[in-house]
Amino acid sequence: MKYIGLPLTFGFTIFGLLNQLTLRKRRAALEGKVVVITGASSGIGEALAHAFYEQGCKVVLAARRKLELERVKQDLMSMKLLNLTDFDHLNVFVQKVYDQCGNIDILINNGGISYRGSILETKLEVDKEIMTVNYFGSVALTKVQGLIAIPDRAAYAASKHALQAFGDSLRSEMHQHNVNVTVVSPGYIKTNISLNALTGSGSQHGAGFTPEYTASKILDGVVQKKNELVVSQFLPNLAIFLRQAAPSLYFWFMYKRAIKTSAEN
């Protein structure tokens, strides 16, 4: 038996080495590419800016917060102020990037806003604003709520479900033009906001991956031309699996979570 295991181990090792070599070559091919990143003033967007910049890309940063964007810009190439709700300005923004850089090789729509609140207590204006920013203002990068929906996140989850469906359709239509669409679903990320967030009991919100780790995984997903990429911990991945394989069990857990959340609030 031990002789059977040795060839298998050797085979997996060789496969892993070849995979790493291929990944390095694809990363090297990023040099000189023009990468536009929205929501680049902090968190995943900031980490992505550094990750692509380190690969030799021409990085164009876009965000609403000027001071934070200036901070990120200090060692990066270009900066553009951008409000994803100003649809008329989006075409102007794209044209300016084309005028300065000649083209856009990679567009990462990372800009968005989050929200927590029950459906009955959420005003329609809030739903509209979240859908405007997260869906109409973004078309490529999404989060785990695009794959599952959890209590008190209805408005946010709805915008991400819409973005997931849009990405699927866009991928099919753009394939003939040699344009790849990767829908990324990060779980909990250790941004300043999430680290300081408290639950109803006063305890800190669940831990997550660092923006730098998440950005590295996203970069690899882009160069590997993956259709979908989930960067998440065990529980969100389990929820995604249960939603598909055992929906009744999944909804039972969601019922329990909704009751617990309601009691805490």
C-alpha atoms as a PDB file:
ATOM      1  CA  MET A   1       0.000   0.000   0.000  1.00  0.00           C
ATOM      2  CA  LYS A   2       2.816   2.401   0.787  1.00  0.00           C
ATOM      3  CA  TYR A   3       4.199   1.911  -2.757  1.00  0.00           C
ATOM      4  CA  ILE A   4       0.834   2.926  -4.214  1.00  0.00           C
ATOM      5  CA  GLY A   5       0.755   6.072  -2.104  1.00  0.00           C
ATOM      6  CA  LEU A   6       4.226   7.198  -3.205  1.00  0.00           C
ATOM      7  CA  PRO A   7       3.383   7.679  -6.932  1.00  0.00           C
ATOM      8  CA  LEU A   8       0.181   9.504  -5.981  1.00  0.00           C
ATOM      9  CA  THR A   9       2.075  11.861  -3.685  1.00  0.00           C
ATOM     10  CA  PHE A  10       4.712  12.437  -6.362  1.00  0.00           C
ATOM     11  CA  GLY A  11       2.014  13.128  -8.949  1.00  0.00           C
ATOM     12  CA  PHE A  12       0.240  15.679  -6.742  1.00  0.00           C
ATOM     13  CA  THR A  13       3.587  17.370  -6.027  1.00  0.00           C
ATOM     14  CA  ILE A  14       4.430  17.677  -9.728  1.00  0.00           C
ATOM     15  CA  PHE A  15       0.920  18.956 -10.476  1.00  0.00           C
ATOM     16  CA  GLY A  16       1.258  21.575  -7.739  1.00  0.00           C
ATOM     17  CA  LEU A  17       4.636  22.758  -9.039  1.00  0.00           C
ATOM     18  CA  LEU A  18       3.355  23.023 -12.622  1.00  0.00           C
ATOM     19  CA  ASN A  19       0.321  24.947 -11.400  1.00  0.00           C
ATOM     20  CA  GLN A  20       2.549  27.415  -9.534  1.00  0.00           C
ATOM     21  CA  LEU A  21       4.793  27.890 -12.580  1.00  0.00           C
ATOM     22  CA  THR A  22       1.765  28.557 -14.783  1.00  0.00           C
ATOM     23  CA  LEU A  23       0.415  31.037 -12.238  1.00  0.00           C
ATOM     24  CA  ARG A  24       3.745  32.894 -12.136  1.00  0.00           C
ATOM     25  CA  LYS A  25       3.812  33.169 -15.926  1.00  0.00           C
ATOM     26  CA  ARG A  26       0.270  34.531 -15.971  1.00  0.00           C
ATOM     27  CA  ARG A  27       1.102  37.023 -13.233  1.00  0.00           C
ATOM     28  CA  ALA A  28       4.152  38.157 -15.212  1.00  0.00           C
ATOM     29  CA  ALA A  29       1.902  38.717 -18.237  1.00  0.00           C
ATOM     30  CA  LEU A  30       0.066  41.425 -16.258  1.00  0.00           C
ATOM     31  CA  GLU A  31       2.992  43.835 -16.597  1.00  0.00           C
ATOM     32  CA  GLY A  32       1.951  46.985 -18.420  1.00  0.00           C
ATOM     33  CA  LYS A  33      -1.778  46.212 -18.262  1.00  0.00           C
ATOM     34  CA  VAL A  34      -4.141  49.076 -17.425  1.00  0.00           C
ATOM     35  CA  VAL A  35      -6.229  48.178 -14.362  1.00  0.00           C
ATOM     36  CA  VAL A  36      -9.109  50.399 -13.211  1.00  0.00           C
ATOM     37  CA  ILE A  37     -10.257  49.768  -9.628  1.00  0.00           C
ATOM     38  CA  THR A  38     -13.345  51.404  -8.113  1.00  0.00           C
ATOM     39  CA  GLY A  39     -13.723  51.670  -4.355  1.00  0.00           C
ATOM     40  CA  ALA A  40      -9.929  51.875  -4.170  1.00  0.00           C
ATOM     41  CA  SER A  41      -9.611  54.158  -1.141  1.00  0.00           C
ATOM     42  CA  SER A  42      -9.590  51.387   1.493  1.00  0.00           C
ATOM     43  CA  GLY A  43     -10.112  47.699   2.280  1.00  0.00           C
ATOM     44  CA  ILE A  44     -10.072  45.213  -0.588  1.00  0.00           C
ATOM     45  CA  GLY A  45      -9.864  47.978  -3.196  1.00  0.00           C
ATOM     46  CA  GLU A  46      -6.714  49.438  -1.654  1.00  0.00           C
ATOM     47  CA  ALA A  47      -5.143  45.980  -1.303  1.00  0.00           C
ATOM     48  CA  LEU A  48      -5.991  45.182  -4.939  1.00  0.00           C
ATOM     49  CA  ALA A  49      -4.357  48.434  -6.042  1.00  0.00           C
ATOM     50  CA  HIS A  50      -1.100  47.439  -4.362  1.00  0.00           C
ATOM     51  CA  ALA A  51      -1.316  43.832  -5.605  1.00  0.00           C
ATOM     52  CA  PHE A  52      -1.720  44.808  -9.270  1.00  0.00           C
ATOM     53  CA  TYR A  53       0.793  47.659  -8.971  1.00  0.00           C
ATOM     54  CA  GLU A  54       3.411  45.214  -7.675  1.00  0.00           C
ATOM     55  CA  GLN A  55       2.859  43.138 -10.834  1.00  0.00           C
ATOM     56  CA  GLY A  56       3.835  46.116 -12.988  1.00  0.00           C
ATOM     57  CA  CYS A  57       0.314  47.207 -13.931  1.00  0.00           C
ATOM     58  CA  LYS A  58      -0.746  50.771 -14.648  1.00  0.00           C
ATOM     59  CA  VAL A  59      -3.288  51.213 -11.875  1.00  0.00           C
ATOM     60  CA  VAL A  60      -6.062  53.801 -12.056  1.00  0.00           C
ATOM     61  CA  LEU A  61      -7.751  54.351  -8.694  1.00  0.00           C
ATOM     62  CA  ALA A  62     -11.346  55.533  -8.434  1.00  0.00           C
ATOM     63  CA  ALA A  63     -13.316  56.367  -5.282  1.00  0.00           C
ATOM     64  CA  ARG A  64     -15.465  59.045  -3.664  1.00  0.00           C
ATOM     65  CA  ARG A  65     -13.275  59.785  -0.610  1.00  0.00           C
ATOM     66  CA  LYS A  66     -10.579  62.170  -1.837  1.00  0.00           C
ATOM     67  CA  LEU A  67      -8.378  62.215   1.274  1.00  0.00           C
ATOM     68  CA  GLU A  68      -8.258  58.425   1.540  1.00  0.00           C
ATOM     69  CA  LEU A  69      -7.633  58.125  -2.182  1.00  0.00           C
ATOM     70  CA  GLU A  70      -4.753  60.612  -1.949  1.00  0.00           C
ATOM     71  CA  ARG A  71      -3.194  58.439   0.747  1.00  0.00           C
ATOM     72  CA  VAL A  72      -3.351  55.329  -1.443  1.00  0.00           C
ATOM     73  CA  LYS A  73      -2.089  57.286  -4.447  1.00  0.00           C
ATOM     74  CA  GLN A  74       1.210  58.209  -2.779  1.00  0.00           C
ATOM     75  CA  ASP A  75       3.024  55.235  -4.295  1.00  0.00           C
ATOM     76  CA  LEU A  76       0.659  54.413  -7.145  1.00  0.00           C
ATOM     77  CA  MET A  77       0.094  55.901 -10.568  1.00  0.00           C
ATOM     78  CA  SER A  78      -3.201  57.641 -11.142  1.00  0.00           C
ATOM     79  CA  MET A  79      -6.260  58.809  -9.247  1.00  0.00           C
ATOM     80  CA  LYS A  80      -9.817  59.663 -10.309  1.00  0.00           C
ATOM     81  CA  LEU A  81     -12.689  60.813  -8.119  1.00  0.00           C
ATOM     82  CA  LEU A  82     -15.761  58.747  -8.947  1.00  0.00           C
ATOM     83  CA  ASN A  83     -19.307  58.576  -7.606  1.00  0.00           C
ATOM     84  CA  LEU A  84     -20.996  55.359  -8.746  1.00  0.00           C
ATOM     85  CA  THR A  85     -24.441  56.947  -8.395  1.00  0.00           C
ATOM     86  CA  ASP A  86     -23.587  59.677 -10.930  1.00  0.00           C
ATOM     87  CA  PHE A  87     -24.383  57.668 -14.059  1.00  0.00           C
ATOM     88  CA  ASP A  88     -23.906  60.628 -16.422  1.00  0.00           C
ATOM     89  CA  HIS A  89     -20.326  61.052 -15.182  1.00  0.00           C
ATOM     90  CA  LEU A  90     -19.367  57.391 -15.664  1.00  0.00           C
ATOM     91  CA  ASN A  91     -18.959  57.739 -19.442  1.00  0.00           C
ATOM     92  CA  VAL A  92     -16.816  60.839 -18.913  1.00  0.00           C
ATOM     93  CA  PHE A  93     -14.681  58.925 -16.419  1.00  0.00           C
ATOM     94  CA  VAL A  94     -14.133  56.040 -18.849  1.00  0.00           C
ATOM     95  CA  GLN A  95     -13.249  58.419 -21.688  1.00  0.00           C
ATOM     96  CA  LYS A  96     -10.655  60.195 -19.514  1.00  0.00           C
ATOM     97  CA  VAL A  97      -9.008  56.861 -18.713  1.00  0.00           C
ATOM     98  CA  TYR A  98      -8.918  55.954 -22.419  1.00  0.00           C
ATOM     99  CA  ASP A  99      -7.456  59.366 -23.293  1.00  0.00           C
ATOM    100  CA  GLN A 100      -4.671  59.015 -20.712  1.00  0.00           C
ATOM    101  CA  CYS A 101      -3.938  55.279 -20.877  1.00  0.00           C
ATOM    102  CA  GLY A 102      -5.087  54.248 -24.348  1.00  0.00           C
ATOM    103  CA  ASN A 103      -7.284  51.385 -23.157  1.00  0.00           C
ATOM    104  CA  ILE A 104      -8.633  49.474 -20.152  1.00  0.00           C
ATOM    105  CA  ASP A 105      -7.420  45.880 -19.837  1.00  0.00           C
ATOM    106  CA  ILE A 106      -8.976  45.004 -16.475  1.00  0.00           C
ATOM    107  CA  LEU A 107     -11.940  46.668 -14.748  1.00  0.00           C
ATOM    108  CA  ILE A 108     -12.534  45.793 -11.101  1.00  0.00           C
ATOM    109  CA  ASN A 109     -15.848  47.119  -9.814  1.00  0.00           C
ATOM    110  CA  ASN A 110     -15.195  47.002  -6.098  1.00  0.00           C
ATOM    111  CA  GLY A 111     -17.117  50.103  -5.050  1.00  0.00           C
ATOM    112  CA  GLY A 112     -20.198  49.532  -2.920  1.00  0.00           C
ATOM    113  CA  ILE A 113     -21.983  50.116   0.365  1.00  0.00           C
ATOM    114  CA  SER A 114     -23.214  47.745   3.057  1.00  0.00           C
ATOM    115  CA  TYR A 115     -26.327  47.790   5.241  1.00  0.00           C
ATOM    116  CA  ARG A 116     -27.918  45.872   8.115  1.00  0.00           C
ATOM    117  CA  GLY A 117     -31.590  46.071   9.010  1.00  0.00           C
ATOM    118  CA  SER A 118     -34.824  44.113   8.850  1.00  0.00           C
ATOM    119  CA  ILE A 119     -36.992  44.310   5.727  1.00  0.00           C
ATOM    120  CA  LEU A 120     -39.953  45.857   7.568  1.00  0.00           C
ATOM    121  CA  GLU A 121     -37.817  48.571   9.176  1.00  0.00           C
ATOM    122  CA  THR A 122     -35.865  49.489   6.044  1.00  0.00           C
ATOM    123  CA  LYS A 123     -37.150  52.496   4.108  1.00  0.00           C
ATOM    124  CA  LEU A 124     -37.575  52.147   0.349  1.00  0.00           C
ATOM    125  CA  GLU A 125     -35.080  54.969  -0.185  1.00  0.00           C
ATOM    126  CA  VAL A 126     -32.395  52.811   1.444  1.00  0.00           C
ATOM    127  CA  ASP A 127     -33.187  49.891  -0.879  1.00  0.00           C
ATOM    128  CA  LYS A 128     -32.962  52.220  -3.872  1.00  0.00           C
ATOM    129  CA  GLU A 129     -29.628  53.702  -2.801  1.00  0.00           C
ATOM    130  CA  ILE A 130     -28.037  50.303  -2.168  1.00  0.00           C
ATOM    131  CA  MET A 131     -29.281  48.929  -5.489  1.00  0.00           C
ATOM    132  CA  THR A 132     -28.030  52.057  -7.261  1.00  0.00           C
ATOM    133  CA  VAL A 133     -24.500  51.814  -5.865  1.00  0.00           C
ATOM    134  CA  ASN A 134     -24.015  48.061  -5.595  1.00  0.00           C
ATOM    135  CA  TYR A 135     -25.808  46.939  -8.752  1.00  0.00           C
ATOM    136  CA  PHE A 136     -26.270  49.754 -11.247  1.00  0.00           C
ATOM    137  CA  GLY A 137     -22.908  51.286 -10.342  1.00  0.00           C
ATOM    138  CA  SER A 138     -20.960  48.011 -10.346  1.00  0.00           C
ATOM    139  CA  VAL A 139     -20.949  45.067 -12.753  1.00  0.00           C
ATOM    140  CA  ALA A 140     -18.107  42.671 -11.930  1.00  0.00           C
ATOM    141  CA  LEU A 141     -17.151  42.305  -8.293  1.00  0.00           C
ATOM    142  CA  THR A 142     -19.634  40.922  -5.770  1.00  0.00           C
ATOM    143  CA  LYS A 143     -19.670  39.314  -2.310  1.00  0.00           C
ATOM    144  CA  VAL A 144     -20.923  36.152  -0.670  1.00  0.00           C
ATOM    145  CA  GLN A 145     -24.402  37.671  -0.336  1.00  0.00           C
ATOM    146  CA  GLY A 146     -24.627  37.216  -4.105  1.00  0.00           C
ATOM    147  CA  LEU A 147     -24.737  33.457  -3.471  1.00  0.00           C
ATOM    148  CA  ILE A 148     -26.644  33.286  -0.181  1.00  0.00           C
ATOM    149  CA  ALA A 149     -29.018  35.611   1.671  1.00  0.00           C
ATOM    150  CA  ILE A 150     -28.957  36.036   5.447  1.00  0.00           C
ATOM    151  CA  PRO A 151     -31.389  37.765   7.831  1.00  0.00           C
ATOM    152  CA  ASP A 152     -31.236  41.561   8.187  1.00  0.00           C
ATOM    153  CA  ARG A 153     -29.247  41.835   4.941  1.00  0.00           C
ATOM    154  CA  ALA A 154     -32.153  41.811   2.459  1.00  0.00           C
ATOM    155  CA  ALA A 155     -31.378  45.087   0.660  1.00  0.00           C
ATOM    156  CA  TYR A 156     -27.670  44.316   0.439  1.00  0.00           C
ATOM    157  CA  ALA A 157     -28.174  40.674  -0.574  1.00  0.00           C
ATOM    158  CA  ALA A 158     -30.702  41.657  -3.259  1.00  0.00           C
ATOM    159  CA  SER A 159     -28.220  44.048  -4.881  1.00  0.00           C
ATOM    160  CA  LYS A 160     -25.559  41.327  -4.876  1.00  0.00           C
ATOM    161  CA  HIS A 161     -27.908  38.656  -6.262  1.00  0.00           C
ATOM    162  CA  ALA A 162     -28.697  41.049  -9.119  1.00  0.00           C
ATOM    163  CA  LEU A 163     -24.993  41.603  -9.722  1.00  0.00           C
ATOM    164  CA  GLN A 164     -24.369  37.845  -9.766  1.00  0.00           C
ATOM    165  CA  ALA A 165     -27.032  37.338 -12.450  1.00  0.00           C
ATOM    166  CA  PHE A 166     -25.735  40.303 -14.446  1.00  0.00           C
ATOM    167  CA  GLY A 167     -22.223  38.841 -14.359  1.00  0.00           C
ATOM    168  CA  ASP A 168     -23.486  35.486 -15.652  1.00  0.00           C
ATOM    169  CA  SER A 169     -25.251  37.133 -18.596  1.00  0.00           C
ATOM    170  CA  LEU A 170     -22.357  39.492 -19.307  1.00  0.00           C
ATOM    171  CA  ARG A 171     -19.899  36.570 -19.353  1.00  0.00           C
ATOM    172  CA  SER A 172     -21.939  34.746 -21.992  1.00  0.00           C
ATOM    173  CA  GLU A 173     -22.317  37.799 -24.208  1.00  0.00           C
ATOM    174  CA  MET A 174     -18.692  38.948 -23.981  1.00  0.00           C
ATOM    175  CA  HIS A 175     -17.090  35.536 -24.588  1.00  0.00           C
ATOM    176  CA  GLN A 176     -17.158  36.072 -28.365  1.00  0.00           C
ATOM    177  CA  HIS A 177     -15.219  39.317 -27.860  1.00  0.00           C
ATOM    178  CA  ASN A 178     -12.493  37.570 -25.817  1.00  0.00           C
ATOM    179  CA  VAL A 179     -13.518  39.427 -22.650  1.00  0.00           C
ATOM    180  CA  ASN A 180     -13.499  37.440 -19.415  1.00  0.00           C
ATOM    181  CA  VAL A 181     -15.825  38.129 -16.482  1.00  0.00           C
ATOM    182  CA  THR A 182     -14.889  36.956 -12.994  1.00  0.00           C
ATOM    183  CA  VAL A 183     -17.499  37.318 -10.251  1.00  0.00           C
ATOM    184  CA  VAL A 184     -15.720  37.373  -6.902  1.00  0.00           C
ATOM    185  CA  SER A 185     -17.525  36.591  -3.656  1.00  0.00           C
ATOM    186  CA  PRO A 186     -15.447  37.538  -0.602  1.00  0.00           C
ATOM    187  CA  GLY A 187     -16.670  36.591   2.861  1.00  0.00           C
ATOM    188  CA  TYR A 188     -15.863  38.592   6.002  1.00  0.00           C
ATOM    189  CA  ILE A 189     -12.846  40.841   5.468  1.00  0.00           C
ATOM    190  CA  LYS A 190     -10.790  42.511   8.212  1.00  0.00           C
ATOM    191  CA  THR A 191     -11.384  46.112   7.187  1.00  0.00           C
ATOM    192  CA  ASN A 192     -11.462  48.949   9.715  1.00  0.00           C
ATOM    193  CA  ILE A 193     -15.265  48.963   9.569  1.00  0.00           C
ATOM    194  CA  SER A 194     -15.697  45.240  10.174  1.00  0.00           C
ATOM    195  CA  LEU A 195     -13.070  45.139  12.910  1.00  0.00           C
ATOM    196  CA  ASN A 196     -14.897  47.854  14.858  1.00  0.00           C
ATOM    197  CA  ALA A 197     -18.396  46.511  14.226  1.00  0.00           C
ATOM    198  CA  LEU A 198     -20.276  45.131  17.225  1.00  0.00           C
ATOM    199  CA  THR A 199     -23.053  42.582  17.426  1.00  0.00           C
ATOM    200  CA  GLY A 200     -26.246  43.135  19.381  1.00  0.00           C
ATOM    201  CA  SER A 201     -24.648  41.554  22.460  1.00  0.00           C
ATOM    202  CA  GLY A 202     -21.751  44.010  22.352  1.00  0.00           C
ATOM    203  CA  SER A 203     -19.167  41.498  21.146  1.00  0.00           C
ATOM    204  CA  GLN A 204     -17.038  42.076  18.084  1.00  0.00           C
ATOM    205  CA  HIS A 205     -18.217  40.848  14.701  1.00  0.00           C
ATOM    206  CA  GLY A 206     -16.721  37.638  13.307  1.00  0.00           C
ATOM    207  CA  ALA A 207     -13.117  37.666  12.130  1.00  0.00           C
ATOM    208  CA  GLY A 208     -12.199  37.330   8.486  1.00  0.00           C
ATOM    209  CA  PHE A 209      -9.373  37.341   5.977  1.00  0.00           C
ATOM    210  CA  THR A 210      -7.077  40.341   5.564  1.00  0.00           C
ATOM    211  CA  PRO A 211      -7.615  42.605   2.530  1.00  0.00           C
ATOM    212  CA  GLU A 212      -4.095  41.705   1.349  1.00  0.00           C
ATOM    213  CA  TYR A 213      -4.808  37.951   1.377  1.00  0.00           C
ATOM    214  CA  THR A 214      -8.130  38.508  -0.376  1.00  0.00           C
ATOM    215  CA  ALA A 215      -6.529  40.735  -3.013  1.00  0.00           C
ATOM    216  CA  SER A 216      -3.887  38.082  -3.743  1.00  0.00           C
ATOM    217  CA  LYS A 217      -6.587  35.448  -4.284  1.00  0.00           C
ATOM    218  CA  ILE A 218      -8.576  37.792  -6.524  1.00  0.00           C
ATOM    219  CA  LEU A 219      -5.501  38.624  -8.604  1.00  0.00           C
ATOM    220  CA  ASP A 220      -4.842  34.911  -9.132  1.00  0.00           C
ATOM    221  CA  GLY A 221      -8.498  34.368 -10.038  1.00  0.00           C
ATOM    222  CA  VAL A 222      -8.293  37.109 -12.662  1.00  0.00           C
ATOM    223  CA  VAL A 223      -5.122  35.787 -14.327  1.00  0.00           C
ATOM    224  CA  GLN A 224      -6.573  32.254 -14.284  1.00  0.00           C
ATOM    225  CA  LYS A 225      -9.720  33.632 -15.957  1.00  0.00           C
ATOM    226  CA  LYS A 226     -12.038  31.978 -13.452  1.00  0.00           C
ATOM    227  CA  ASN A 227     -15.759  32.504 -13.941  1.00  0.00           C
ATOM    228  CA  GLU A 228     -16.445  32.596 -10.202  1.00  0.00           C
ATOM    229  CA  LEU A 229     -14.237  32.864  -7.146  1.00  0.00           C
ATOM    230  CA  VAL A 230     -15.287  32.477  -3.517  1.00  0.00           C
ATOM    231  CA  VAL A 231     -12.789  33.779  -0.951  1.00  0.00           C
ATOM    232  CA  SER A 232     -14.351  32.892   2.358  1.00  0.00           C
ATOM    233  CA  GLN A 233     -14.068  30.975   5.601  1.00  0.00           C
ATOM    234  CA  PHE A 234     -15.619  27.587   6.361  1.00  0.00           C
ATOM    235  CA  LEU A 235     -19.092  28.670   7.520  1.00  0.00           C
ATOM    236  CA  PRO A 236     -19.986  30.842   4.493  1.00  0.00           C
ATOM    237  CA  ASN A 237     -18.712  28.094   2.189  1.00  0.00           C
ATOM    238  CA  LEU A 238     -20.843  25.590   4.101  1.00  0.00           C
ATOM    239  CA  ALA A 239     -23.875  27.871   3.737  1.00  0.00           C
ATOM    240  CA  ILE A 240     -23.339  28.068  -0.037  1.00  0.00           C
ATOM    241  CA  PHE A 241     -23.115  24.272  -0.213  1.00  0.00           C
ATOM    242  CA  LEU A 242     -26.244  23.752   1.912  1.00  0.00           C
ATOM    243  CA  ARG A 243     -28.198  26.304  -0.151  1.00  0.00           C
ATOM    244  CA  GLN A 244     -27.652  24.094  -3.201  1.00  0.00           C
ATOM    245  CA  ALA A 245     -27.514  20.584  -1.717  1.00  0.00           C
ATOM    246  CA  ALA A 246     -29.918  20.791   1.232  1.00  0.00           C
ATOM    247  CA  PRO A 247     -32.085  23.931   0.925  1.00  0.00           C
ATOM    248  CA  SER A 248     -34.515  22.848   3.670  1.00  0.00           C
ATOM    249  CA  LEU A 249     -31.663  22.541   6.170  1.00  0.00           C
ATOM    250  CA  TYR A 250     -30.193  25.833   4.982  1.00  0.00           C
ATOM    251  CA  PHE A 251     -33.479  27.707   5.487  1.00  0.00           C
ATOM    252  CA  TRP A 252     -33.901  26.113   8.924  1.00  0.00           C
ATOM    253  CA  PHE A 253     -30.551  27.578   9.959  1.00  0.00           C
ATOM    254  CA  MET A 254     -31.576  30.948   8.505  1.00  0.00           C
ATOM    255  CA  TYR A 255     -34.856  30.848  10.483  1.00  0.00           C
ATOM    256  CA  LYS A 256     -32.876  30.237  13.672  1.00  0.00           C
ATOM    257  CA  ARG A 257     -30.458  33.022  12.831  1.00  0.00           C
ATOM    258  CA  ALA A 258     -33.295  35.465  12.158  1.00  0.00           C
ATOM    259  CA  ILE A 259     -34.879  34.668  15.538  1.00  0.00           C
ATOM    260  CA  LYS A 260     -31.546  35.118  17.316  1.00  0.00           C
ATOM    261  CA  THR A 261     -30.821  38.398  15.536  1.00  0.00           C
ATOM    262  CA  SER A 262     -34.290  39.729  16.343  1.00  0.00           C
ATOM    263  CA  ALA A 263     -33.845  38.852  20.021  1.00  0.00           C
ATOM    264  CA  GLU A 264     -30.457  40.610  20.175  1.00  0.00           C
ATOM    265  CA  ASN A 265     -31.900  43.772  18.663  1.00  0.00           C
END
